[in-house]
Protein backbone atom coordinates (compact mmCIF):
# COMPACT_ATOMS: atom_id res chain seq x y z
CA UNK A 1 68.43 99.36 -5.48
CA UNK A 2 68.13 95.55 -5.35
CA UNK A 3 71.48 95.19 -7.11
CA UNK A 4 73.12 97.52 -4.38
CA UNK A 5 71.11 95.17 -1.63
CA UNK A 6 72.86 92.11 -3.19
CA UNK A 7 76.18 93.74 -3.13
CA UNK A 8 75.91 94.59 0.46
CA UNK A 9 74.83 90.91 1.23
CA UNK A 10 78.00 89.64 -0.40
CA UNK A 11 79.93 91.96 1.64
CA UNK A 12 78.42 90.44 4.85
CA UNK A 13 79.73 87.12 3.68
CA UNK A 14 76.39 85.72 2.45
CA UNK A 15 77.13 82.16 1.28
CA UNK A 16 75.06 82.48 -1.87
CA UNK A 17 73.20 85.37 -3.23
CA UNK A 18 70.82 84.68 -6.16
CA UNK A 19 69.98 87.78 -8.53
CA UNK A 20 66.20 86.75 -9.96
CA UNK A 21 66.12 88.73 -13.33
CA UNK A 22 63.87 89.08 -16.36
CA UNK A 23 67.08 89.41 -18.86
CA UNK A 24 70.14 87.12 -17.66
CA UNK A 25 72.60 89.07 -20.10
CA UNK A 26 71.64 92.20 -17.68
CA UNK A 27 71.64 89.90 -14.70
CA UNK A 28 75.35 88.63 -15.37
CA UNK A 29 76.42 92.18 -16.15
CA UNK A 30 75.21 92.79 -12.48
CA UNK A 31 76.71 89.86 -11.17
CA UNK A 32 80.13 90.82 -12.66
CA UNK A 33 79.93 94.07 -11.15
CA UNK A 34 79.51 92.60 -7.38
CA UNK A 35 82.51 90.36 -7.77
CA UNK A 36 85.03 93.05 -6.87
CA UNK A 37 82.99 92.90 -3.32
CA UNK A 38 84.44 89.33 -2.91
CA UNK A 39 88.25 89.72 -1.59
CA UNK A 40 89.49 86.94 0.13
CA UNK A 41 86.52 84.81 -0.68
CA UNK A 42 86.64 82.09 -3.28
CA UNK A 43 88.47 82.88 -6.54
CA UNK A 44 85.37 81.73 -8.40
CA UNK A 45 82.41 83.96 -7.15
CA UNK A 46 80.16 81.82 -9.23
CA UNK A 47 78.58 79.72 -6.53
CA UNK A 48 78.18 82.84 -4.47
CA UNK A 49 76.53 85.05 -6.84
CA UNK A 50 74.28 83.59 -9.15
CA UNK A 51 71.72 84.61 -11.86
CA UNK A 52 68.29 83.07 -12.14
CA UNK A 53 65.79 84.18 -14.83
CA UNK A 54 62.51 85.39 -13.35
CA UNK A 55 59.86 87.18 -14.98
CA UNK A 56 56.91 88.14 -12.65
CA UNK A 57 54.58 88.77 -15.73
CA UNK A 58 54.27 85.13 -16.12
CA UNK A 59 53.05 82.82 -13.61
CA UNK A 60 54.79 79.89 -15.25
CA UNK A 61 58.06 81.68 -14.60
CA UNK A 62 57.31 82.13 -11.20
CA UNK A 63 56.53 78.57 -10.55
CA UNK A 64 59.69 77.48 -12.29
CA UNK A 65 61.88 79.64 -10.23
CA UNK A 66 60.21 78.64 -7.00
CA UNK A 67 60.57 74.73 -8.39
CA UNK A 68 64.41 75.57 -8.98
CA UNK A 69 64.86 77.02 -5.48
CA UNK A 70 62.99 74.20 -3.85
CA UNK A 71 65.10 71.43 -5.54
CA UNK A 72 68.61 73.27 -5.94
CA UNK A 73 68.96 75.12 -2.66
CA UNK A 74 69.97 73.31 0.51
CA UNK A 75 68.74 76.17 2.48
CA UNK A 76 66.70 79.68 2.08
CA UNK A 77 67.33 82.14 4.93
CA UNK A 78 66.01 85.17 3.25
CA UNK A 79 63.63 85.85 0.38
CA UNK A 80 63.71 89.48 -0.62
CA UNK A 81 60.53 90.37 -3.04
CA UNK A 82 61.73 93.73 -4.50
CA UNK A 83 60.49 93.66 -7.94
CA UNK A 84 58.17 96.33 -9.22
CA UNK A 85 56.84 98.26 -12.04
CA UNK A 86 55.30 101.31 -12.98
CA UNK A 87 53.38 101.82 -16.15
CA UNK A 88 52.04 104.78 -17.70
CA UNK A 89 53.19 105.89 -21.02
CA UNK A 90 52.87 102.38 -22.33
CA UNK A 91 49.33 102.04 -21.49
CA UNK A 92 46.87 99.61 -20.02
CA UNK A 93 47.60 95.91 -20.78
CA UNK A 94 46.76 92.49 -19.30
CA UNK A 95 49.36 89.82 -18.44
CA UNK A 96 47.90 86.29 -17.12
CA UNK A 97 44.38 87.80 -16.99
CA UNK A 98 45.32 90.86 -14.84
CA UNK A 99 46.41 94.35 -15.54
CA UNK A 100 50.32 93.96 -15.85
CA UNK A 101 51.03 96.02 -12.73
CA UNK A 102 48.72 94.09 -10.50
CA UNK A 103 50.15 90.95 -11.83
CA UNK A 104 53.76 91.79 -11.38
CA UNK A 105 53.56 93.96 -8.16
CA UNK A 106 50.59 92.05 -6.34
CA UNK A 107 49.68 88.64 -7.84
CA UNK A 108 52.97 87.21 -8.98
CA UNK A 109 55.20 88.75 -6.05
CA UNK A 110 52.60 86.90 -3.63
CA UNK A 111 52.61 83.65 -5.65
CA UNK A 112 56.59 83.69 -5.32
CA UNK A 113 56.41 84.23 -1.34
CA UNK A 114 53.83 81.49 -0.77
CA UNK A 115 55.40 79.14 -3.37
CA UNK A 116 58.65 79.24 -1.15
CA UNK A 117 56.99 79.14 2.25
CA UNK A 118 57.73 75.77 2.39
CA UNK A 119 61.43 76.20 2.01
CA UNK A 120 61.72 78.78 4.22
CA UNK A 121 60.32 76.78 7.02
CA UNK A 122 62.33 73.56 6.09
CA UNK A 123 65.46 75.90 6.46
CA UNK A 124 64.14 77.18 9.87
CA UNK A 125 63.48 73.83 11.40
CA UNK A 126 66.74 72.41 10.12
CA UNK A 127 68.88 75.19 11.07
CA UNK A 128 66.85 76.13 14.40
CA UNK A 129 66.80 79.79 13.23
CA UNK A 130 64.65 82.49 12.25
CA UNK A 131 63.93 82.79 8.35
CA UNK A 132 62.94 86.19 6.75
CA UNK A 133 60.15 87.04 3.89
CA UNK A 134 60.29 90.66 3.07
CA UNK A 135 58.71 92.89 0.53
CA UNK A 136 59.29 96.07 -0.88
CA UNK A 137 56.26 98.50 -0.57
CA UNK A 138 56.09 102.01 -0.73
CA UNK A 139 55.04 105.37 0.85
CA UNK A 140 52.79 105.89 -2.14
CA UNK A 141 50.46 103.54 -0.48
CA UNK A 142 49.06 106.66 1.44
CA UNK A 143 48.61 108.62 -2.09
CA UNK A 144 45.48 106.70 -3.62
CA UNK A 145 41.72 106.76 -2.72
CA UNK A 146 41.64 103.19 -4.14
CA UNK A 147 37.88 103.34 -5.22
CA UNK A 148 38.32 99.91 -6.77
CA UNK A 149 37.94 98.72 -3.06
CA UNK A 150 34.07 99.08 -3.21
CA UNK A 151 33.83 96.55 -6.03
CA UNK A 152 32.45 93.06 -5.82
CA UNK A 153 35.60 91.68 -7.05
CA UNK A 154 38.60 93.94 -6.76
CA UNK A 155 41.04 92.12 -9.03
CA UNK A 156 38.48 92.00 -11.88
CA UNK A 157 37.42 95.61 -11.47
CA UNK A 158 41.20 96.59 -12.01
CA UNK A 159 41.32 94.27 -14.95
CA UNK A 160 38.76 96.57 -17.21
CA UNK A 161 40.49 98.92 -19.24
CA UNK A 162 37.77 101.21 -19.88
CA UNK A 163 37.72 102.33 -16.15
CA UNK A 164 41.27 102.03 -15.57
CA UNK A 165 43.01 104.85 -13.82
CA UNK A 166 46.66 104.18 -14.89
CA UNK A 167 48.64 107.31 -13.44
CA UNK A 168 46.98 106.06 -9.91
CA UNK A 169 47.74 102.21 -10.70
CA UNK A 170 51.05 102.11 -8.82
CA UNK A 171 49.96 103.65 -6.06
CA UNK A 172 46.96 100.97 -5.68
CA UNK A 173 49.31 97.93 -6.41
CA UNK A 174 51.45 99.16 -3.45
CA UNK A 175 48.38 99.57 -1.15
CA UNK A 176 47.08 96.29 -2.21
CA UNK A 177 50.35 94.57 -1.46
CA UNK A 178 50.85 96.36 1.87
CA UNK A 179 47.56 94.90 2.53
CA UNK A 180 48.09 91.58 1.48
CA UNK A 181 51.37 91.06 3.22
CA UNK A 182 49.63 92.00 6.62
CA UNK A 183 47.21 89.15 5.92
CA UNK A 184 49.88 86.86 5.15
CA UNK A 185 51.66 87.77 8.03
CA UNK A 186 48.57 86.90 10.27
CA UNK A 187 48.23 83.44 8.35
CA UNK A 188 51.62 82.69 9.28
CA UNK A 189 51.28 83.54 12.78
CA UNK A 190 48.08 81.39 13.15
CA UNK A 191 49.69 78.72 11.22
CA UNK A 192 50.58 75.18 13.25
CA UNK A 193 53.43 74.59 10.89
CA UNK A 194 56.79 74.43 12.22
CA UNK A 195 59.45 77.12 11.59
CA UNK A 196 59.98 80.90 12.53
CA UNK A 197 59.08 83.04 9.62
CA UNK A 198 59.44 86.71 9.84
CA UNK A 199 57.30 88.65 7.24
CA UNK A 200 57.52 92.08 6.65
CA UNK A 201 56.95 95.15 4.02
CA UNK A 202 59.50 98.05 3.90
CA UNK A 203 59.18 101.30 2.69
CA UNK A 204 62.75 102.39 0.92
CA UNK A 205 61.51 105.97 0.61
CA UNK A 206 62.38 108.11 -2.64
CA UNK A 207 65.31 106.41 -4.07
CA UNK A 208 67.01 107.01 -7.35
CA UNK A 209 65.80 104.34 -9.47
CA UNK A 210 64.67 103.54 -13.02
CA UNK A 211 61.04 102.72 -12.01
CA UNK A 212 59.81 105.77 -13.77
CA UNK A 213 61.27 104.97 -17.34
CA UNK A 214 57.36 104.50 -18.48
CA UNK A 215 56.39 107.87 -17.28
CA UNK A 216 56.01 110.76 -19.70
CA UNK A 217 58.66 112.84 -20.80
CA UNK A 218 57.59 115.97 -18.84
CA UNK A 219 56.92 113.84 -15.62
CA UNK A 220 60.53 112.05 -16.15
CA UNK A 221 62.24 115.67 -16.34
CA UNK A 222 60.07 116.50 -13.11
CA UNK A 223 61.34 113.17 -11.34
CA UNK A 224 64.72 113.38 -12.26
CA UNK A 225 65.27 116.98 -10.95
CA UNK A 226 63.42 116.14 -7.80
CA UNK A 227 65.49 112.77 -7.51
CA UNK A 228 68.76 114.76 -7.95
CA UNK A 229 67.84 116.82 -4.83
CA UNK A 230 65.82 114.79 -2.51
CA UNK A 231 66.41 110.86 -3.49
CA UNK A 232 68.39 108.53 -1.61
CA UNK A 233 70.92 106.76 -3.69
CA UNK A 234 70.51 103.33 -4.91
CA UNK A 235 73.41 102.07 -2.24
CA UNK A 236 71.31 103.75 0.49
CA UNK A 237 68.04 101.81 -0.67
CA UNK A 238 70.14 98.92 -0.77
CA UNK A 239 71.11 99.32 3.07
CA UNK A 240 67.27 99.43 3.93
CA UNK A 241 66.60 96.22 2.20
CA UNK A 242 69.26 94.65 3.95
CA UNK A 243 67.93 95.92 7.30
CA UNK A 244 64.49 94.16 6.50
CA UNK A 245 66.40 91.05 5.71
CA UNK A 246 68.00 90.89 8.98
CA UNK A 247 64.67 90.30 10.52
CA UNK A 248 63.74 90.25 14.09
CA UNK A 249 60.66 89.21 16.00
CA UNK A 250 59.47 92.83 16.32
CA UNK A 251 59.36 93.43 12.43
CA UNK A 252 57.08 90.45 12.08
CA UNK A 253 53.62 91.74 10.02
CA UNK A 254 54.98 95.40 10.36
CA UNK A 255 55.30 98.24 7.86
CA UNK A 256 59.16 99.25 8.17
CA UNK A 257 60.07 102.64 7.54
CA UNK A 258 63.48 104.26 7.66
CA UNK A 259 64.87 100.86 9.21
CA UNK A 260 62.23 100.69 12.12
CA UNK A 261 58.80 99.60 12.55
CA UNK A 262 56.88 102.43 11.07
CA UNK A 263 52.86 103.28 10.78
CA UNK A 264 51.16 102.72 7.79
CA UNK A 265 48.13 104.50 6.48
CA UNK A 266 44.81 105.49 8.69
CA UNK A 267 42.99 103.76 5.93
CA UNK A 268 45.41 100.39 6.19
CA UNK A 269 45.04 100.65 10.26
CA UNK A 270 41.34 101.00 10.33
CA UNK A 271 38.51 98.86 10.17
CA UNK A 272 37.86 99.27 6.46
CA UNK A 273 41.28 98.77 5.38
CA UNK A 274 41.13 95.21 7.43
CA UNK A 275 37.86 94.54 5.74
CA UNK A 276 39.31 95.34 2.34
CA UNK A 277 42.56 93.31 3.19
CA UNK A 278 40.43 90.24 4.05
CA UNK A 279 38.45 90.52 0.61
CA UNK A 280 41.85 90.92 -1.22
CA UNK A 281 42.97 87.89 0.50
CA UNK A 282 39.93 85.87 -0.31
CA UNK A 283 40.32 87.00 -3.93
CA UNK A 284 44.18 86.42 -4.06
CA UNK A 285 43.63 82.92 -2.39
CA UNK A 286 41.27 81.78 -5.15
CA UNK A 287 43.62 83.35 -7.83
CA UNK A 288 46.65 81.25 -6.45
CA UNK A 289 44.96 77.91 -6.12
CA UNK A 290 43.75 78.26 -9.82
CA UNK A 291 47.45 79.11 -10.81
CA UNK A 292 48.90 76.24 -8.47
CA UNK A 293 46.64 74.05 -6.84
CA UNK A 294 47.36 73.18 -3.32
CA UNK A 295 49.34 76.31 -3.02
CA UNK A 296 47.40 77.74 0.08
CA UNK A 297 48.35 74.50 2.17
CA UNK A 298 51.54 75.97 2.46
CA UNK A 299 50.45 78.94 4.56
């Protein structure tokens, strides 16, 4: 889906599209597949489509990517935080002190966004334009009771293997991401810092991707059959990412569904969801400060 979004952005004449990838070999192959989308552009598409390494399971990798972007990019108009993972068959494991799904889908994703807020603001001010920070969420935030929300420290509770409910962990991570993006959007709205940053979280719907590659063989068979009948193609999913990247003030702080402002779950909208969102934000802010001291000043 991210590859197809990149392909669409190139077709729409983006000056530079950076593919952030764990495997640079696979990234280069993806970039090569985009190059036919460049008719009439530079004969050397290298400056247009670039491949940069990024491993969201590593805080150091996220920090290095953000530092490179801050140093090398003259401007940053759009940041699409699309990466995510689903863990089941491989079981519980920790990465950077958190369960790996939480690290990748929540902590590192927000870490990247907050690290690049200064570059986004700089672009907005210098170019006198709206810039966009968008995250890929999911409708599955509706599909969890999230019992860990009652814990004194939610992130710590999710890092305990004995009580981990791994089949539900992806759903939980997407609910956490949604709550945190809403909190981040509120913080950006309240900030006195210059620049116009539109922040949103999108639901691409059911898209035919490889995210379930770690599921059991039985569930994968079910998933493949269901996807063949009901799922959007990656190209269609890519369009939804591009729609969110277009921004618009009306999308700030919103959950985007089918390319329009949608309605998240009743829990998210209600008082308990707001309370849990504030708790998660407090916990995440402490984590991010430990990872990169001073980072919360970016907000």
